[in-house]
Amino acid sequence: MNYSLHIYKCIHYIDAHLYDKVSLHHLAKFTGLSASYLSLAFKQEMNETVTSYIQRKKSY
């Protein structure tokens, strides 16, 4: 899959810190984007929210 750099960074950060407290606001700060823009971009590229992505990954 071909994700934007910001979404790619989020995915790898989430995967590396899956059982730490990861929030949308933390990811926004990490990527330098606003939380609202990151939320929209993540949903558009991943077809799910940041929260649902984290929950799905934890359920594996």
PDB file of N, CA and C in Angstrom:
ATOM      1  N   MET A   1       0.832  -1.179   0.000  1.00  0.00           N
ATOM      2  CA  MET A   1       0.000   0.000   0.000  1.00  0.00           C
ATOM      3  C   MET A   1       0.877   1.243   0.000  1.00  0.00           C
ATOM      4  N   ASN A   2       0.396   2.268  -0.607  1.00  0.00           N
ATOM      5  CA  ASN A   2       1.159   3.496  -0.743  1.00  0.00           C
ATOM      6  C   ASN A   2       0.535   4.599   0.118  1.00  0.00           C
ATOM      7  N   TYR A   3       1.018   4.740   1.331  1.00  0.00           N
ATOM      8  CA  TYR A   3       0.489   5.741   2.250  1.00  0.00           C
ATOM      9  C   TYR A   3       1.333   7.002   2.186  1.00  0.00           C
ATOM     10  N   SER A   4       0.730   8.113   2.565  1.00  0.00           N
ATOM     11  CA  SER A   4       1.503   9.345   2.670  1.00  0.00           C
ATOM     12  C   SER A   4       2.529   9.178   3.794  1.00  0.00           C
ATOM     13  N   LEU A   5       3.540  10.000   3.764  1.00  0.00           N
ATOM     14  CA  LEU A   5       4.609   9.909   4.760  1.00  0.00           C
ATOM     15  C   LEU A   5       4.075  10.054   6.182  1.00  0.00           C
ATOM     16  N   HIS A   6       3.151  10.975   6.398  1.00  0.00           N
ATOM     17  CA  HIS A   6       2.613  11.188   7.746  1.00  0.00           C
ATOM     18  C   HIS A   6       1.849   9.961   8.241  1.00  0.00           C
ATOM     19  N   ILE A   7       1.056   9.361   7.389  1.00  0.00           N
ATOM     20  CA  ILE A   7       0.286   8.180   7.787  1.00  0.00           C
ATOM     21  C   ILE A   7       1.226   7.003   8.000  1.00  0.00           C
ATOM     22  N   TYR A   8       2.217   6.861   7.152  1.00  0.00           N
ATOM     23  CA  TYR A   8       3.228   5.816   7.295  1.00  0.00           C
ATOM     24  C   TYR A   8       3.927   5.935   8.654  1.00  0.00           C
ATOM     25  N   LYS A   9       4.305   7.163   9.018  1.00  0.00           N
ATOM     26  CA  LYS A   9       4.950   7.387  10.312  1.00  0.00           C
ATOM     27  C   LYS A   9       4.013   7.018  11.462  1.00  0.00           C
ATOM     28  N   CYS A  10       2.743   7.369  11.334  1.00  0.00           N
ATOM     29  CA  CYS A  10       1.761   7.036  12.375  1.00  0.00           C
ATOM     30  C   CYS A  10       1.620   5.531  12.540  1.00  0.00           C
ATOM     31  N   ILE A  11       1.487   4.832  11.438  1.00  0.00           N
ATOM     32  CA  ILE A  11       1.321   3.375  11.478  1.00  0.00           C
ATOM     33  C   ILE A  11       2.502   2.730  12.184  1.00  0.00           C
ATOM     34  N   HIS A  12       3.700   3.138  11.808  1.00  0.00           N
ATOM     35  CA  HIS A  12       4.885   2.542  12.423  1.00  0.00           C
ATOM     36  C   HIS A  12       5.027   2.938  13.892  1.00  0.00           C
ATOM     37  N   TYR A  13       4.660   4.152  14.226  1.00  0.00           N
ATOM     38  CA  TYR A  13       4.706   4.576  15.623  1.00  0.00           C
ATOM     39  C   TYR A  13       3.704   3.771  16.453  1.00  0.00           C
ATOM     40  N   ILE A  14       2.496   3.642  15.940  1.00  0.00           N
ATOM     41  CA  ILE A  14       1.462   2.878  16.649  1.00  0.00           C
ATOM     42  C   ILE A  14       1.913   1.437  16.833  1.00  0.00           C
ATOM     43  N   ASP A  15       2.414   0.824  15.767  1.00  0.00           N
ATOM     44  CA  ASP A  15       2.846  -0.571  15.849  1.00  0.00           C
ATOM     45  C   ASP A  15       3.986  -0.757  16.850  1.00  0.00           C
ATOM     46  N   ALA A  16       4.883   0.206  16.928  1.00  0.00           N
ATOM     47  CA  ALA A  16       6.015   0.113  17.850  1.00  0.00           C
ATOM     48  C   ALA A  16       5.627   0.410  19.293  1.00  0.00           C
ATOM     49  N   HIS A  17       4.537   1.143  19.493  1.00  0.00           N
ATOM     50  CA  HIS A  17       4.110   1.550  20.832  1.00  0.00           C
ATOM     51  C   HIS A  17       2.681   1.093  21.118  1.00  0.00           C
ATOM     52  N   LEU A  18       2.318  -0.048  20.587  1.00  0.00           N
ATOM     53  CA  LEU A  18       0.933  -0.502  20.621  1.00  0.00           C
ATOM     54  C   LEU A  18       0.352  -0.556  22.030  1.00  0.00           C
ATOM     55  N   TYR A  19       1.137  -0.959  22.996  1.00  0.00           N
ATOM     56  CA  TYR A  19       0.601  -1.103  24.353  1.00  0.00           C
ATOM     57  C   TYR A  19       0.953   0.075  25.259  1.00  0.00           C
ATOM     58  N   ASP A  20       1.519   1.122  24.678  1.00  0.00           N
ATOM     59  CA  ASP A  20       1.698   2.386  25.388  1.00  0.00           C
ATOM     60  C   ASP A  20       0.437   3.212  25.161  1.00  0.00           C
ATOM     61  N   LYS A  21       0.326   4.312  25.857  1.00  0.00           N
ATOM     62  CA  LYS A  21      -0.823   5.187  25.646  1.00  0.00           C
ATOM     63  C   LYS A  21      -0.546   6.052  24.416  1.00  0.00           C
ATOM     64  N   VAL A  22      -1.206   5.729  23.321  1.00  0.00           N
ATOM     65  CA  VAL A  22      -1.054   6.473  22.070  1.00  0.00           C
ATOM     66  C   VAL A  22      -2.376   7.173  21.791  1.00  0.00           C
ATOM     67  N   SER A  23      -2.316   8.477  21.621  1.00  0.00           N
ATOM     68  CA  SER A  23      -3.535   9.237  21.342  1.00  0.00           C
ATOM     69  C   SER A  23      -3.397   9.979  20.016  1.00  0.00           C
ATOM     70  N   LEU A  24      -4.513  10.399  19.497  1.00  0.00           N
ATOM     71  CA  LEU A  24      -4.522  11.189  18.272  1.00  0.00           C
ATOM     72  C   LEU A  24      -3.702  12.461  18.464  1.00  0.00           C
ATOM     73  N   HIS A  25      -3.832  13.095  19.615  1.00  0.00           N
ATOM     74  CA  HIS A  25      -3.093  14.338  19.873  1.00  0.00           C
ATOM     75  C   HIS A  25      -1.585  14.089  19.938  1.00  0.00           C
ATOM     76  N   HIS A  26      -1.198  12.954  20.497  1.00  0.00           N
ATOM     77  CA  HIS A  26       0.221  12.604  20.536  1.00  0.00           C
ATOM     78  C   HIS A  26       0.741  12.367  19.118  1.00  0.00           C
ATOM     79  N   LEU A  27      -0.024  11.642  18.307  1.00  0.00           N
ATOM     80  CA  LEU A  27       0.383  11.385  16.924  1.00  0.00           C
ATOM     81  C   LEU A  27       0.442  12.679  16.117  1.00  0.00           C
ATOM     82  N   ALA A  28      -0.477  13.583  16.373  1.00  0.00           N
ATOM     83  CA  ALA A  28      -0.479  14.866  15.671  1.00  0.00           C
ATOM     84  C   ALA A  28       0.794  15.645  16.000  1.00  0.00           C
ATOM     85  N   LYS A  29       1.154  15.657  17.264  1.00  0.00           N
ATOM     86  CA  LYS A  29       2.380  16.341  17.678  1.00  0.00           C
ATOM     87  C   LYS A  29       3.600  15.664  17.050  1.00  0.00           C
ATOM     88  N   PHE A  30       3.597  14.338  17.017  1.00  0.00           N
ATOM     89  CA  PHE A  30       4.687  13.550  16.444  1.00  0.00           C
ATOM     90  C   PHE A  30       4.872  13.851  14.956  1.00  0.00           C
ATOM     91  N   THR A  31       3.773  14.020  14.228  1.00  0.00           N
ATOM     92  CA  THR A  31       3.840  14.255  12.782  1.00  0.00           C
ATOM     93  C   THR A  31       3.885  15.728  12.409  1.00  0.00           C
ATOM     94  N   GLY A  32       3.553  16.610  13.351  1.00  0.00           N
ATOM     95  CA  GLY A  32       3.534  18.033  13.062  1.00  0.00           C
ATOM     96  C   GLY A  32       2.258  18.501  12.388  1.00  0.00           C
ATOM     97  N   LEU A  33       1.229  17.664  12.416  1.00  0.00           N
ATOM     98  CA  LEU A  33      -0.065  18.008  11.829  1.00  0.00           C
ATOM     99  C   LEU A  33      -1.051  18.356  12.931  1.00  0.00           C
ATOM    100  N   SER A  34      -2.124  19.021  12.574  1.00  0.00           N
ATOM    101  CA  SER A  34      -3.182  19.247  13.561  1.00  0.00           C
ATOM    102  C   SER A  34      -3.919  17.929  13.777  1.00  0.00           C
ATOM    103  N   ALA A  35      -4.505  17.769  14.938  1.00  0.00           N
ATOM    104  CA  ALA A  35      -5.239  16.539  15.248  1.00  0.00           C
ATOM    105  C   ALA A  35      -6.406  16.341  14.287  1.00  0.00           C
ATOM    106  N   SER A  36      -7.106  17.411  13.962  1.00  0.00           N
ATOM    107  CA  SER A  36      -8.262  17.274  13.067  1.00  0.00           C
ATOM    108  C   SER A  36      -7.835  16.875  11.658  1.00  0.00           C
ATOM    109  N   TYR A  37      -6.748  17.459  11.161  1.00  0.00           N
ATOM    110  CA  TYR A  37      -6.274  17.095   9.821  1.00  0.00           C
ATOM    111  C   TYR A  37      -5.764  15.660   9.802  1.00  0.00           C
ATOM    112  N   LEU A  38      -5.000  15.280  10.818  1.00  0.00           N
ATOM    113  CA  LEU A  38      -4.479  13.918  10.880  1.00  0.00           C
ATOM    114  C   LEU A  38      -5.617  12.911  10.952  1.00  0.00           C
ATOM    115  N   SER A  39      -6.622  13.209  11.741  1.00  0.00           N
ATOM    116  CA  SER A  39      -7.780  12.324  11.857  1.00  0.00           C
ATOM    117  C   SER A  39      -8.440  12.120  10.497  1.00  0.00           C
ATOM    118  N   LEU A  40      -8.646  13.191   9.777  1.00  0.00           N
ATOM    119  CA  LEU A  40      -9.267  13.121   8.456  1.00  0.00           C
ATOM    120  C   LEU A  40      -8.382  12.362   7.466  1.00  0.00           C
ATOM    121  N   ALA A  41      -7.100  12.680   7.437  1.00  0.00           N
ATOM    122  CA  ALA A  41      -6.173  12.028   6.509  1.00  0.00           C
ATOM    123  C   ALA A  41      -6.053  10.538   6.808  1.00  0.00           C
ATOM    124  N   PHE A  42      -5.969  10.184   8.085  1.00  0.00           N
ATOM    125  CA  PHE A  42      -5.857   8.779   8.472  1.00  0.00           C
ATOM    126  C   PHE A  42      -7.103   8.020   8.028  1.00  0.00           C
ATOM    127  N   LYS A  43      -8.257   8.583   8.280  1.00  0.00           N
ATOM    128  CA  LYS A  43      -9.529   7.952   7.901  1.00  0.00           C
ATOM    129  C   LYS A  43      -9.612   7.779   6.383  1.00  0.00           C
ATOM    130  N   GLN A  44      -9.202   8.776   5.627  1.00  0.00           N
ATOM    131  CA  GLN A  44      -9.255   8.697   4.169  1.00  0.00           C
ATOM    132  C   GLN A  44      -8.304   7.640   3.623  1.00  0.00           C
ATOM    133  N   GLU A  45      -7.117   7.548   4.180  1.00  0.00           N
ATOM    134  CA  GLU A  45      -6.121   6.612   3.664  1.00  0.00           C
ATOM    135  C   GLU A  45      -6.297   5.194   4.197  1.00  0.00           C
ATOM    136  N   MET A  46      -6.745   5.070   5.434  1.00  0.00           N
ATOM    137  CA  MET A  46      -6.825   3.755   6.074  1.00  0.00           C
ATOM    138  C   MET A  46      -8.242   3.191   6.117  1.00  0.00           C
ATOM    139  N   ASN A  47      -9.220   4.006   5.793  1.00  0.00           N
ATOM    140  CA  ASN A  47     -10.633   3.601   5.854  1.00  0.00           C
ATOM    141  C   ASN A  47     -11.071   3.202   7.256  1.00  0.00           C
ATOM    142  N   GLU A  48     -10.416   3.745   8.258  1.00  0.00           N
ATOM    143  CA  GLU A  48     -10.805   3.565   9.656  1.00  0.00           C
ATOM    144  C   GLU A  48     -10.159   4.670  10.474  1.00  0.00           C
ATOM    145  N   THR A  49     -10.680   4.889  11.650  1.00  0.00           N
ATOM    146  CA  THR A  49     -10.135   5.931  12.514  1.00  0.00           C
ATOM    147  C   THR A  49      -8.853   5.449  13.186  1.00  0.00           C
ATOM    148  N   VAL A  50      -8.122   6.382  13.754  1.00  0.00           N
ATOM    149  CA  VAL A  50      -6.912   6.034  14.499  1.00  0.00           C
ATOM    150  C   VAL A  50      -7.270   5.081  15.634  1.00  0.00           C
ATOM    151  N   THR A  51      -8.319   5.395  16.367  1.00  0.00           N
ATOM    152  CA  THR A  51      -8.739   4.562  17.500  1.00  0.00           C
ATOM    153  C   THR A  51      -9.105   3.155  17.054  1.00  0.00           C
ATOM    154  N   SER A  52      -9.856   3.028  15.980  1.00  0.00           N
ATOM    155  CA  SER A  52     -10.245   1.691  15.520  1.00  0.00           C
ATOM    156  C   SER A  52      -9.032   0.924  15.007  1.00  0.00           C
ATOM    157  N   TYR A  53      -8.069   1.620  14.400  1.00  0.00           N
ATOM    158  CA  TYR A  53      -6.840   0.962  13.954  1.00  0.00           C
ATOM    159  C   TYR A  53      -6.089   0.392  15.157  1.00  0.00           C
ATOM    160  N   ILE A  54      -5.942   1.195  16.202  1.00  0.00           N
ATOM    161  CA  ILE A  54      -5.241   0.742  17.402  1.00  0.00           C
ATOM    162  C   ILE A  54      -5.969  -0.446  18.029  1.00  0.00           C
ATOM    163  N   GLN A  55      -7.277  -0.360  18.156  1.00  0.00           N
ATOM    164  CA  GLN A  55      -8.053  -1.458  18.741  1.00  0.00           C
ATOM    165  C   GLN A  55      -7.933  -2.729  17.908  1.00  0.00           C
ATOM    166  N   ARG A  56      -7.975  -2.587  16.591  1.00  0.00           N
ATOM    167  CA  ARG A  56      -7.862  -3.757  15.711  1.00  0.00           C
ATOM    168  C   ARG A  56      -6.489  -4.400  15.850  1.00  0.00           C
ATOM    169  N   LYS A  57      -5.442  -3.597  15.903  1.00  0.00           N
ATOM    170  CA  LYS A  57      -4.091  -4.135  16.047  1.00  0.00           C
ATOM    171  C   LYS A  57      -3.915  -4.835  17.398  1.00  0.00           C
ATOM    172  N   LYS A  58      -4.519  -4.291  18.448  1.00  0.00           N
ATOM    173  CA  LYS A  58      -4.422  -4.913  19.769  1.00  0.00           C
ATOM    174  C   LYS A  58      -5.163  -6.238  19.832  1.00  0.00           C
ATOM    175  N   SER A  59      -6.159  -6.411  18.990  1.00  0.00           N
ATOM    176  CA  SER A  59      -6.963  -7.636  19.043  1.00  0.00           C
ATOM    177  C   SER A  59      -6.279  -8.825  18.373  1.00  0.00           C
ATOM    178  N   TYR A  60      -5.160  -8.581  17.679  1.00  0.00           N
ATOM    179  CA  TYR A  60      -4.449  -9.690  17.020  1.00  0.00           C
ATOM    180  C   TYR A  60      -3.840 -10.586  18.031  1.00  0.00           C
TER     181      TYR A  60
END
